[in-house]
Amino acid sequence: MKLRDVLAKLAEWGKEYPIFLTLQTRTGALSTALREFGAMCLRAENYELAVEVFLAAVSMRPDNCWLWHNLSTAYQGVSDRDRALDCARRALELNESHAEIWTQFGVLLRDTGQTQQAKAAFELASRTSF
């Protein structure tokens, strides 16, 4: 997502979702507010909005494995398994030491019929920390 697109989305979300403005004020950091707002969208099962929010977040913080993990989760919610897999891979490239990310990756692989790779991912998940 390009900066001007992110800025347009931020203005739109600020008008439509007052909680987003509250999060910005409370956290003092735009990327933190986006992460928390995106998490709220996931909990509310508003996966389309969560995708947009996490796309904006990863464009600002492309080195954050948890934002990529959350974007993957949002893509799962909209049944876009290919993009979910790509985002999970990116999260693992950034940090391969979290069982939660390996588990999600394994589930995505399993759901796309890649059973051997899924088994390997689940085995790695069992050897890493939560």
Protein backbone atom coordinates (compact mmCIF):
# COMPACT_ATOMS: atom_id res chain seq x y z
CA MET A 1 0.00 0.00 0.00
CA LYS A 2 1.41 3.40 -0.96
CA LEU A 3 1.68 6.19 1.57
CA ARG A 4 -1.04 8.34 -0.02
CA ASP A 5 -3.40 5.32 0.03
CA VAL A 6 -2.60 4.70 3.69
CA LEU A 7 -3.23 8.34 4.55
CA ALA A 8 -6.56 8.28 2.74
CA LYS A 9 -7.58 5.12 4.61
CA LEU A 10 -6.53 6.62 7.94
CA ALA A 11 -8.70 9.67 7.34
CA GLU A 12 -11.62 7.46 6.29
CA TRP A 13 -11.29 5.18 9.35
CA GLY A 14 -10.98 8.17 11.65
CA LYS A 15 -14.34 9.48 10.44
CA GLU A 16 -16.13 6.14 10.32
CA TYR A 17 -14.66 4.51 13.44
CA PRO A 18 -14.13 6.91 16.37
CA ILE A 19 -12.42 4.09 18.27
CA PHE A 20 -9.55 4.32 15.79
CA LEU A 21 -8.93 7.94 16.79
CA THR A 22 -9.13 6.94 20.44
CA LEU A 23 -6.54 4.22 19.86
CA GLN A 24 -4.23 6.68 18.14
CA THR A 25 -4.49 9.06 21.09
CA ARG A 26 -4.05 6.35 23.71
CA THR A 27 -1.16 4.53 22.09
CA GLY A 28 0.64 7.55 20.71
CA ALA A 29 1.86 5.44 17.80
CA LEU A 30 0.04 4.98 14.54
CA SER A 31 1.38 1.47 13.91
CA THR A 32 0.25 0.37 17.40
CA ALA A 33 -3.19 1.89 16.83
CA LEU A 34 -3.46 0.05 13.52
CA ARG A 35 -2.44 -3.23 15.14
CA GLU A 36 -5.02 -2.84 17.90
CA PHE A 37 -7.75 -1.67 15.49
CA GLY A 38 -7.00 -4.60 13.20
CA ALA A 39 -7.20 -7.00 16.14
CA MET A 40 -10.59 -5.54 17.02
CA CYS A 41 -11.72 -6.12 13.45
CA LEU A 42 -10.57 -9.75 13.64
CA ARG A 43 -12.44 -10.30 16.91
CA ALA A 44 -15.57 -8.78 15.34
CA GLU A 45 -15.06 -11.06 12.31
CA ASN A 46 -14.90 -8.05 10.01
CA TYR A 47 -12.19 -9.70 7.95
CA GLU A 48 -12.45 -7.39 4.95
CA LEU A 49 -11.69 -4.36 7.10
CA ALA A 50 -9.00 -6.29 8.98
CA VAL A 51 -7.25 -7.01 5.68
CA GLU A 52 -7.23 -3.30 4.83
CA VAL A 53 -6.01 -2.30 8.29
CA PHE A 54 -3.20 -4.84 8.38
CA LEU A 55 -2.17 -3.97 4.82
CA ALA A 56 -1.76 -0.39 5.99
CA ALA A 57 0.11 -1.57 9.08
CA VAL A 58 2.59 -3.76 7.19
CA SER A 59 3.23 -0.96 4.71
CA MET A 60 4.38 1.12 7.69
CA ARG A 61 6.17 -1.69 9.54
CA PRO A 62 7.18 -4.33 6.97
CA ASP A 63 9.63 -5.88 9.45
CA ASN A 64 6.98 -6.82 12.04
CA CYS A 65 6.27 -10.56 11.93
CA TRP A 66 3.11 -10.22 14.04
CA LEU A 67 1.52 -7.76 11.63
CA TRP A 68 2.17 -10.24 8.80
CA HIS A 69 0.75 -13.04 10.96
CA ASN A 70 -2.38 -10.97 11.62
CA LEU A 71 -2.70 -10.11 7.94
CA SER A 72 -2.50 -13.81 7.19
CA THR A 73 -5.30 -14.44 9.70
CA ALA A 74 -7.43 -11.74 8.06
CA TYR A 75 -6.87 -13.30 4.63
CA GLN A 76 -7.93 -16.65 6.08
CA GLY A 77 -11.13 -14.96 7.21
CA VAL A 78 -11.93 -13.83 3.66
CA SER A 79 -10.99 -17.30 2.34
CA ASP A 80 -7.97 -16.10 0.40
CA ARG A 81 -5.67 -18.98 1.30
CA ASP A 82 -2.98 -18.11 -1.22
CA ARG A 83 -2.47 -14.64 0.20
CA ALA A 84 -2.78 -16.02 3.73
CA LEU A 85 0.02 -18.49 2.96
CA ASP A 86 2.19 -15.74 1.46
CA CYS A 87 1.75 -13.59 4.56
CA ALA A 88 2.45 -16.50 6.91
CA ARG A 89 5.63 -17.23 4.94
CA ARG A 90 6.66 -13.59 5.29
CA ALA A 91 6.02 -13.72 9.05
CA LEU A 92 8.24 -16.81 9.29
CA GLU A 93 10.96 -15.17 7.21
CA LEU A 94 11.03 -12.37 9.75
CA ASN A 95 10.91 -14.61 12.83
CA GLU A 96 10.75 -18.38 12.76
CA SER A 97 10.83 -18.90 16.51
CA HIS A 98 7.10 -18.68 17.31
CA ALA A 99 4.93 -21.77 17.54
CA GLU A 100 1.76 -19.78 16.86
CA ILE A 101 3.03 -18.67 13.46
CA TRP A 102 4.24 -22.19 12.56
CA THR A 103 0.89 -23.63 13.62
CA GLN A 104 -1.05 -21.19 11.46
CA PHE A 105 1.29 -21.95 8.57
CA GLY A 106 0.71 -25.67 9.09
CA VAL A 107 -3.06 -25.24 9.08
CA LEU A 108 -2.90 -23.24 5.85
CA LEU A 109 -0.67 -25.85 4.23
CA ARG A 110 -3.00 -28.63 5.37
CA ASP A 111 -6.05 -26.78 4.09
CA THR A 112 -4.43 -26.39 0.67
CA GLY A 113 -3.61 -30.10 0.47
CA GLN A 114 0.09 -29.78 1.23
CA THR A 115 0.05 -32.45 3.93
CA GLN A 116 3.77 -33.28 4.07
CA GLN A 117 4.74 -29.62 4.40
CA ALA A 118 1.98 -29.15 6.98
CA LYS A 119 3.34 -32.04 9.03
CA ALA A 120 6.81 -30.47 8.97
CA ALA A 121 5.37 -27.10 10.05
CA PHE A 122 3.47 -28.71 12.95
CA GLU A 123 6.65 -30.50 14.03
CA LEU A 124 8.54 -27.19 14.02
CA ALA A 125 5.71 -25.60 15.99
CA SER A 126 6.06 -28.25 18.66
CA ARG A 127 9.77 -27.40 19.05
CA THR A 128 9.40 -23.62 19.31
CA SER A 129 8.06 -21.26 21.98
CA PHE A 130 4.57 -19.83 22.26
